[in-house]
Amino acid sequence: MPSQSAAIVVNRRILRPQAELIESLKGAPSTNVVYAMNSGGALDYRIKPIGKHAGFAGTAITIDAGPRDNLAVWASLEVVLPGDVLVIATGNHVAHAVIGDGFVGMARNCGCVAIVTDGVVCDLAGIDAAGIPVFARGLSPNSCWKNGPGEVGLHVAIDGVGIASGDVLVGDADGVAVIPAADLASVVSQMPDIRAKEAEMERRVAAGGRSATWLEGTFAAKGIRYID
């Protein structure tokens, strides 16, 4: 066990969900995933893809880096397995980039499929070249210290959304949805029905439809008053 004076604490006892459950979510729109969780669970709207890569699904490995420091971020490479998503909490620090393209490339080499942070990053061209999605609040050329303190693999919160290592994240151009590990099977089980409803809506639009099929029944149940 690390001593109480250790700059970085790393939890290596991370329970990852069944790979087939995550595989079934690959390519799923984040909006569909959120719909399966009672229309909630997405990260702040300002956390968006940096660069040209966006779609991913994978297991969260959480990092509490704190502001202007990335020692814990580098320590996380010791626990990354193929299919993992690094989630870096900085306390919304946007004055200094928490990672650059060198780290992104090494994380990719470890099998990381995406990186998500509430902070900012740097080296856009290199991030694009690394080939995995990076989600952040923006870009800054300012750099971090490597002093700690920090934690890897323990609970973090990003703008009020709690994330634990072992949870599942699904991201695309719209943003990032966080699926608690305990809810993963339920979300996966709902996806076929949600996809079917989305496909039906697309067919109605393509056919010239001007109203949703559920609207009339909803008005009848909840009431509607017209003023002519």
C-alpha atoms as a PDB file:
ATOM      1  CA  MET A   1       0.000   0.000   0.000  1.00  0.00           C
ATOM      2  CA  PRO A   2       1.188   3.530  -0.684  1.00  0.00           C
ATOM      3  CA  SER A   3       2.135   5.553   2.339  1.00  0.00           C
ATOM      4  CA  GLN A   4      -0.032   8.461   3.399  1.00  0.00           C
ATOM      5  CA  SER A   5       2.701  10.780   2.171  1.00  0.00           C
ATOM      6  CA  ALA A   6       2.652   9.340  -1.366  1.00  0.00           C
ATOM      7  CA  ALA A   7       2.018  11.942  -4.052  1.00  0.00           C
ATOM      8  CA  ILE A   8      -0.070   9.513  -6.118  1.00  0.00           C
ATOM      9  CA  VAL A   9      -2.500   6.789  -5.052  1.00  0.00           C
ATOM     10  CA  VAL A  10      -3.304   4.098  -7.645  1.00  0.00           C
ATOM     11  CA  ASN A  11      -6.186   1.656  -7.219  1.00  0.00           C
ATOM     12  CA  ARG A  12      -5.346  -1.413  -9.291  1.00  0.00           C
ATOM     13  CA  ARG A  13      -8.434  -3.400  -8.214  1.00  0.00           C
ATOM     14  CA  ILE A  14     -10.684  -2.293 -11.064  1.00  0.00           C
ATOM     15  CA  LEU A  15     -13.638  -4.501 -12.023  1.00  0.00           C
ATOM     16  CA  ARG A  16     -14.308  -4.218 -15.745  1.00  0.00           C
ATOM     17  CA  PRO A  17     -17.670  -5.192 -17.270  1.00  0.00           C
ATOM     18  CA  GLN A  18     -18.151  -7.996 -19.753  1.00  0.00           C
ATOM     19  CA  ALA A  19     -16.546  -7.102 -23.069  1.00  0.00           C
ATOM     20  CA  GLU A  20     -19.594  -8.181 -25.079  1.00  0.00           C
ATOM     21  CA  LEU A  21     -21.793  -5.624 -23.306  1.00  0.00           C
ATOM     22  CA  ILE A  22     -19.444  -2.808 -24.297  1.00  0.00           C
ATOM     23  CA  GLU A  23     -19.112  -4.210 -27.802  1.00  0.00           C
ATOM     24  CA  SER A  24     -22.885  -3.985 -28.224  1.00  0.00           C
ATOM     25  CA  LEU A  25     -22.713  -0.235 -27.514  1.00  0.00           C
ATOM     26  CA  LYS A  26     -20.106   0.582 -30.131  1.00  0.00           C
ATOM     27  CA  GLY A  27     -21.635   2.899 -32.693  1.00  0.00           C
ATOM     28  CA  ALA A  28     -24.626   3.656 -30.471  1.00  0.00           C
ATOM     29  CA  PRO A  29     -25.537   7.357 -30.438  1.00  0.00           C
ATOM     30  CA  SER A  30     -24.937   8.995 -27.077  1.00  0.00           C
ATOM     31  CA  THR A  31     -28.507  10.342 -27.294  1.00  0.00           C
ATOM     32  CA  ASN A  32     -29.859   6.794 -27.391  1.00  0.00           C
ATOM     33  CA  VAL A  33     -27.776   5.796 -24.385  1.00  0.00           C
ATOM     34  CA  VAL A  34     -29.012   8.794 -22.409  1.00  0.00           C
ATOM     35  CA  TYR A  35     -32.604   7.980 -23.372  1.00  0.00           C
ATOM     36  CA  ALA A  36     -32.122   4.536 -21.807  1.00  0.00           C
ATOM     37  CA  MET A  37     -31.122   6.244 -18.535  1.00  0.00           C
ATOM     38  CA  ASN A  38     -34.246   8.359 -18.130  1.00  0.00           C
ATOM     39  CA  SER A  39     -32.811  11.132 -20.338  1.00  0.00           C
ATOM     40  CA  GLY A  40     -29.830  11.903 -18.111  1.00  0.00           C
ATOM     41  CA  GLY A  41     -26.239  10.961 -17.463  1.00  0.00           C
ATOM     42  CA  ALA A  42     -24.340  13.020 -20.042  1.00  0.00           C
ATOM     43  CA  LEU A  43     -21.316  15.137 -19.193  1.00  0.00           C
ATOM     44  CA  ASP A  44     -21.353  18.932 -19.476  1.00  0.00           C
ATOM     45  CA  TYR A  45     -22.100  20.198 -22.989  1.00  0.00           C
ATOM     46  CA  ARG A  46     -18.729  21.964 -23.159  1.00  0.00           C
ATOM     47  CA  ILE A  47     -16.844  18.654 -23.110  1.00  0.00           C
ATOM     48  CA  LYS A  48     -16.669  17.876 -26.814  1.00  0.00           C
ATOM     49  CA  PRO A  49     -14.359  16.089 -29.279  1.00  0.00           C
ATOM     50  CA  ILE A  50     -11.068  17.843 -29.904  1.00  0.00           C
ATOM     51  CA  GLY A  51     -10.125  17.110 -33.490  1.00  0.00           C
ATOM     52  CA  LYS A  52     -11.571  14.707 -36.018  1.00  0.00           C
ATOM     53  CA  HIS A  53     -12.145  11.546 -33.953  1.00  0.00           C
ATOM     54  CA  ALA A  54     -15.300  11.206 -31.875  1.00  0.00           C
ATOM     55  CA  GLY A  55     -17.066   7.837 -31.584  1.00  0.00           C
ATOM     56  CA  PHE A  56     -16.133   5.398 -28.815  1.00  0.00           C
ATOM     57  CA  ALA A  57     -17.405   3.050 -26.117  1.00  0.00           C
ATOM     58  CA  GLY A  58     -15.237   1.739 -23.300  1.00  0.00           C
ATOM     59  CA  THR A  59     -14.565   1.186 -19.615  1.00  0.00           C
ATOM     60  CA  ALA A  60     -13.736   4.212 -17.478  1.00  0.00           C
ATOM     61  CA  ILE A  61     -10.398   4.470 -15.695  1.00  0.00           C
ATOM     62  CA  THR A  62     -10.722   7.522 -13.476  1.00  0.00           C
ATOM     63  CA  ILE A  63      -7.981  10.015 -12.664  1.00  0.00           C
ATOM     64  CA  ASP A  64      -8.179  12.868 -10.176  1.00  0.00           C
ATOM     65  CA  ALA A  65      -5.324  15.065 -11.396  1.00  0.00           C
ATOM     66  CA  GLY A  66      -6.287  18.351  -9.809  1.00  0.00           C
ATOM     67  CA  PRO A  67      -5.493  21.714 -11.397  1.00  0.00           C
ATOM     68  CA  ARG A  68      -2.310  22.232 -13.405  1.00  0.00           C
ATOM     69  CA  ASP A  69      -0.807  18.823 -12.649  1.00  0.00           C
ATOM     70  CA  ASN A  70      -0.657  15.568 -14.588  1.00  0.00           C
ATOM     71  CA  LEU A  71       1.538  13.245 -12.538  1.00  0.00           C
ATOM     72  CA  ALA A  72      -1.481  11.060 -11.788  1.00  0.00           C
ATOM     73  CA  VAL A  73      -2.346  11.059 -15.485  1.00  0.00           C
ATOM     74  CA  TRP A  74       1.007   9.534 -16.356  1.00  0.00           C
ATOM     75  CA  ALA A  75       0.664   7.025 -13.519  1.00  0.00           C
ATOM     76  CA  SER A  76      -2.616   5.805 -15.044  1.00  0.00           C
ATOM     77  CA  LEU A  77      -0.722   4.176 -17.927  1.00  0.00           C
ATOM     78  CA  GLU A  78       0.253   1.436 -15.471  1.00  0.00           C
ATOM     79  CA  VAL A  79      -3.331   0.198 -15.205  1.00  0.00           C
ATOM     80  CA  VAL A  80      -4.750   0.823 -18.690  1.00  0.00           C
ATOM     81  CA  LEU A  81      -5.977  -2.254 -20.547  1.00  0.00           C
ATOM     82  CA  PRO A  82      -7.299  -2.523 -24.127  1.00  0.00           C
ATOM     83  CA  GLY A  83     -10.780  -1.022 -24.301  1.00  0.00           C
ATOM     84  CA  ASP A  84     -10.331   1.452 -21.464  1.00  0.00           C
ATOM     85  CA  VAL A  85     -11.254   5.161 -21.500  1.00  0.00           C
ATOM     86  CA  LEU A  86      -9.171   7.526 -19.388  1.00  0.00           C
ATOM     87  CA  VAL A  87     -11.323  10.048 -17.504  1.00  0.00           C
ATOM     88  CA  ILE A  88      -9.251  12.965 -16.195  1.00  0.00           C
ATOM     89  CA  ALA A  89     -10.810  15.264 -13.595  1.00  0.00           C
ATOM     90  CA  THR A  90      -9.005  18.594 -13.182  1.00  0.00           C
ATOM     91  CA  GLY A  91     -11.666  20.534 -11.312  1.00  0.00           C
ATOM     92  CA  ASN A  92     -12.560  22.301 -14.577  1.00  0.00           C
ATOM     93  CA  HIS A  93      -9.070  23.818 -14.819  1.00  0.00           C
ATOM     94  CA  VAL A  94      -8.774  25.414 -18.260  1.00  0.00           C
ATOM     95  CA  ALA A  95      -5.601  27.501 -17.955  1.00  0.00           C
ATOM     96  CA  HIS A  96      -3.140  24.652 -18.588  1.00  0.00           C
ATOM     97  CA  ALA A  97      -3.320  21.596 -20.833  1.00  0.00           C
ATOM     98  CA  VAL A  98      -3.509  18.385 -18.829  1.00  0.00           C
ATOM     99  CA  ILE A  99      -2.273  16.210 -21.742  1.00  0.00           C
ATOM    100  CA  GLY A 100      -0.649  16.542 -25.147  1.00  0.00           C
ATOM    101  CA  ASP A 101      -0.150  14.324 -28.146  1.00  0.00           C
ATOM    102  CA  GLY A 102       2.754  12.366 -26.620  1.00  0.00           C
ATOM    103  CA  PHE A 103       0.568  11.125 -23.797  1.00  0.00           C
ATOM    104  CA  VAL A 104      -2.321  10.394 -26.161  1.00  0.00           C
ATOM    105  CA  GLY A 105      -0.063   8.268 -28.344  1.00  0.00           C
ATOM    106  CA  MET A 106       1.270   6.287 -25.388  1.00  0.00           C
ATOM    107  CA  ALA A 107      -2.246   5.760 -24.032  1.00  0.00           C
ATOM    108  CA  ARG A 108      -3.271   4.444 -27.452  1.00  0.00           C
ATOM    109  CA  ASN A 109      -0.282   2.091 -27.394  1.00  0.00           C
ATOM    110  CA  CYS A 110      -1.594   0.730 -24.082  1.00  0.00           C
ATOM    111  CA  GLY A 111      -4.976  -0.016 -25.675  1.00  0.00           C
ATOM    112  CA  CYS A 112      -6.834   3.093 -24.533  1.00  0.00           C
ATOM    113  CA  VAL A 113      -9.759   3.823 -26.878  1.00  0.00           C
ATOM    114  CA  ALA A 114     -10.519   7.420 -25.782  1.00  0.00           C
ATOM    115  CA  ILE A 115      -9.602  10.138 -23.302  1.00  0.00           C
ATOM    116  CA  VAL A 116     -12.133  12.430 -21.613  1.00  0.00           C
ATOM    117  CA  THR A 117     -11.296  15.438 -19.430  1.00  0.00           C
ATOM    118  CA  ASP A 118     -13.039  18.424 -17.917  1.00  0.00           C
ATOM    119  CA  GLY A 119      -9.861  20.405 -18.595  1.00  0.00           C
ATOM    120  CA  VAL A 120      -8.045  21.424 -21.767  1.00  0.00           C
ATOM    121  CA  VAL A 121      -5.422  19.727 -23.943  1.00  0.00           C
ATOM    122  CA  CYS A 122      -2.740  20.682 -26.461  1.00  0.00           C
ATOM    123  CA  ASP A 123      -1.107  19.497 -29.710  1.00  0.00           C
ATOM    124  CA  LEU A 124      -4.201  19.204 -31.896  1.00  0.00           C
ATOM    125  CA  ALA A 125      -2.403  17.908 -35.000  1.00  0.00           C
ATOM    126  CA  GLY A 126      -0.661  15.209 -32.991  1.00  0.00           C
ATOM    127  CA  ILE A 127      -3.872  14.226 -31.240  1.00  0.00           C
ATOM    128  CA  ASP A 128      -5.534  13.755 -34.620  1.00  0.00           C
ATOM    129  CA  ALA A 129      -2.580  11.665 -35.770  1.00  0.00           C
ATOM    130  CA  ALA A 130      -2.793   9.451 -32.668  1.00  0.00           C
ATOM    131  CA  GLY A 131      -6.164   8.269 -33.935  1.00  0.00           C
ATOM    132  CA  ILE A 132      -8.257   7.974 -30.762  1.00  0.00           C
ATOM    133  CA  PRO A 133     -10.970  10.387 -29.605  1.00  0.00           C
ATOM    134  CA  VAL A 134     -10.018  13.058 -27.090  1.00  0.00           C
ATOM    135  CA  PHE A 135     -12.842  15.002 -25.422  1.00  0.00           C
ATOM    136  CA  ALA A 136     -12.082  18.229 -23.557  1.00  0.00           C
ATOM    137  CA  ARG A 137     -13.274  21.777 -22.952  1.00  0.00           C
ATOM    138  CA  GLY A 138     -10.770  23.200 -25.411  1.00  0.00           C
ATOM    139  CA  LEU A 139      -7.121  23.762 -26.252  1.00  0.00           C
ATOM    140  CA  SER A 140      -4.265  25.612 -24.554  1.00  0.00           C
ATOM    141  CA  PRO A 141      -0.497  25.635 -25.162  1.00  0.00           C
ATOM    142  CA  ASN A 142       0.164  26.136 -21.433  1.00  0.00           C
ATOM    143  CA  SER A 143       1.638  23.071 -19.759  1.00  0.00           C
ATOM    144  CA  CYS A 144       1.215  21.251 -16.424  1.00  0.00           C
ATOM    145  CA  TRP A 145       3.457  20.426 -13.490  1.00  0.00           C
ATOM    146  CA  LYS A 146       4.197  16.854 -12.412  1.00  0.00           C
ATOM    147  CA  ASN A 147       4.066  17.075  -8.645  1.00  0.00           C
ATOM    148  CA  GLY A 148       0.766  15.570  -7.508  1.00  0.00           C
ATOM    149  CA  PRO A 149      -1.166  14.967  -5.424  1.00  0.00           C
ATOM    150  CA  GLY A 150      -3.469  12.787  -7.460  1.00  0.00           C
ATOM    151  CA  GLU A 151      -5.418   9.532  -7.582  1.00  0.00           C
ATOM    152  CA  VAL A 152      -6.013   6.829 -10.170  1.00  0.00           C
ATOM    153  CA  GLY A 153      -8.918   4.403 -10.132  1.00  0.00           C
ATOM    154  CA  LEU A 154     -10.987   6.085  -7.428  1.00  0.00           C
ATOM    155  CA  HIS A 155     -14.288   7.942  -7.676  1.00  0.00           C
ATOM    156  CA  VAL A 156     -14.358  11.329  -9.424  1.00  0.00           C
ATOM    157  CA  ALA A 157     -17.073  13.858 -10.215  1.00  0.00           C
ATOM    158  CA  ILE A 158     -17.216  16.009 -13.328  1.00  0.00           C
ATOM    159  CA  ASP A 159     -19.735  18.845 -13.133  1.00  0.00           C
ATOM    160  CA  GLY A 160     -21.863  16.843 -10.733  1.00  0.00           C
ATOM    161  CA  VAL A 161     -21.751  13.580 -12.688  1.00  0.00           C
ATOM    162  CA  GLY A 162     -20.128  10.859 -10.592  1.00  0.00           C
ATOM    163  CA  ILE A 163     -17.843   8.409 -12.387  1.00  0.00           C
ATOM    164  CA  ALA A 164     -16.214   5.286 -10.992  1.00  0.00           C
ATOM    165  CA  SER A 165     -13.601   3.106 -12.624  1.00  0.00           C
ATOM    166  CA  GLY A 166     -15.531   0.256 -14.230  1.00  0.00           C
ATOM    167  CA  ASP A 167     -18.382   2.462 -15.411  1.00  0.00           C
ATOM    168  CA  VAL A 168     -18.899   2.642 -19.171  1.00  0.00           C
ATOM    169  CA  LEU A 169     -18.624   5.748 -21.323  1.00  0.00           C
ATOM    170  CA  VAL A 170     -20.128   6.202 -24.787  1.00  0.00           C
ATOM    171  CA  GLY A 171     -19.132   9.250 -26.808  1.00  0.00           C
ATOM    172  CA  ASP A 172     -19.777  10.842 -30.178  1.00  0.00           C
ATOM    173  CA  ALA A 173     -20.051  14.310 -31.695  1.00  0.00           C
ATOM    174  CA  ASP A 174     -22.951  15.146 -29.352  1.00  0.00           C
ATOM    175  CA  GLY A 175     -21.007  14.462 -26.154  1.00  0.00           C
ATOM    176  CA  VAL A 176     -20.301  11.749 -23.592  1.00  0.00           C
ATOM    177  CA  ALA A 177     -22.808   9.536 -21.772  1.00  0.00           C
ATOM    178  CA  VAL A 178     -21.798   7.847 -18.512  1.00  0.00           C
ATOM    179  CA  ILE A 179     -23.355   4.467 -17.728  1.00  0.00           C
ATOM    180  CA  PRO A 180     -22.910   3.312 -14.110  1.00  0.00           C
ATOM    181  CA  ALA A 181     -21.648  -0.264 -14.052  1.00  0.00           C
ATOM    182  CA  ALA A 182     -24.746  -1.366 -12.133  1.00  0.00           C
ATOM    183  CA  ASP A 183     -27.002  -0.045 -14.925  1.00  0.00           C
ATOM    184  CA  LEU A 184     -25.048  -1.382 -17.905  1.00  0.00           C
ATOM    185  CA  ALA A 185     -27.086  -4.541 -18.510  1.00  0.00           C
ATOM    186  CA  SER A 186     -30.341  -2.570 -18.333  1.00  0.00           C
ATOM    187  CA  VAL A 187     -29.103   0.044 -20.809  1.00  0.00           C
ATOM    188  CA  VAL A 188     -27.900  -2.620 -23.240  1.00  0.00           C
ATOM    189  CA  SER A 189     -31.233  -4.458 -23.032  1.00  0.00           C
ATOM    190  CA  GLN A 190     -33.132  -1.296 -24.006  1.00  0.00           C
ATOM    191  CA  MET A 191     -31.016  -0.434 -27.031  1.00  0.00           C
ATOM    192  CA  PRO A 192     -32.802  -2.628 -29.640  1.00  0.00           C
ATOM    193  CA  ASP A 193     -36.178  -1.034 -28.828  1.00  0.00           C
ATOM    194  CA  ILE A 194     -34.675   2.474 -28.844  1.00  0.00           C
ATOM    195  CA  ARG A 195     -32.971   1.825 -32.175  1.00  0.00           C
ATOM    196  CA  ALA A 196     -36.264   0.544 -33.613  1.00  0.00           C
ATOM    197  CA  LYS A 197     -38.088   3.703 -32.508  1.00  0.00           C
ATOM    198  CA  GLU A 198     -35.369   5.899 -34.003  1.00  0.00           C
ATOM    199  CA  ALA A 199     -35.523   3.972 -37.273  1.00  0.00           C
ATOM    200  CA  GLU A 200     -39.306   4.397 -37.415  1.00  0.00           C
ATOM    201  CA  MET A 201     -38.965   8.148 -36.863  1.00  0.00           C
ATOM    202  CA  GLU A 202     -36.411   8.346 -39.664  1.00  0.00           C
ATOM    203  CA  ARG A 203     -38.769   6.448 -41.980  1.00  0.00           C
ATOM    204  CA  ARG A 204     -41.619   8.844 -41.166  1.00  0.00           C
ATOM    205  CA  VAL A 205     -39.445  11.870 -41.866  1.00  0.00           C
ATOM    206  CA  ALA A 206     -38.232  10.406 -45.158  1.00  0.00           C
ATOM    207  CA  ALA A 207     -41.831   9.670 -46.151  1.00  0.00           C
ATOM    208  CA  GLY A 208     -42.872  13.267 -45.545  1.00  0.00           C
ATOM    209  CA  GLY A 209     -44.332  12.796 -42.078  1.00  0.00           C
ATOM    210  CA  ARG A 210     -45.228  15.966 -40.153  1.00  0.00           C
ATOM    211  CA  SER A 211     -46.025  14.608 -36.697  1.00  0.00           C
ATOM    212  CA  ALA A 212     -44.837  11.874 -34.335  1.00  0.00           C
ATOM    213  CA  THR A 213     -47.050   8.825 -33.837  1.00  0.00           C
ATOM    214  CA  TRP A 214     -47.087   9.259 -30.056  1.00  0.00           C
ATOM    215  CA  LEU A 215     -48.150  12.897 -30.073  1.00  0.00           C
ATOM    216  CA  GLU A 216     -51.932  12.464 -30.412  1.00  0.00           C
ATOM    217  CA  GLY A 217     -52.112   9.979 -27.536  1.00  0.00           C
ATOM    218  CA  THR A 218     -49.971  12.193 -25.336  1.00  0.00           C
ATOM    219  CA  PHE A 219     -52.182  15.211 -25.969  1.00  0.00           C
ATOM    220  CA  ALA A 220     -55.241  13.091 -25.198  1.00  0.00           C
ATOM    221  CA  ALA A 221     -53.751  11.966 -21.889  1.00  0.00           C
ATOM    222  CA  LYS A 222     -52.297  15.284 -20.753  1.00  0.00           C
ATOM    223  CA  GLY A 223     -54.672  17.706 -22.414  1.00  0.00           C
ATOM    224  CA  ILE A 224     -54.184  20.489 -24.917  1.00  0.00           C
ATOM    225  CA  ARG A 225     -56.052  23.799 -25.306  1.00  0.00           C
ATOM    226  CA  TYR A 226     -56.144  25.788 -28.527  1.00  0.00           C
ATOM    227  CA  ILE A 227     -56.732  29.514 -28.855  1.00  0.00           C
ATOM    228  CA  ASP A 228     -58.170  30.414 -32.276  1.00  0.00           C
END
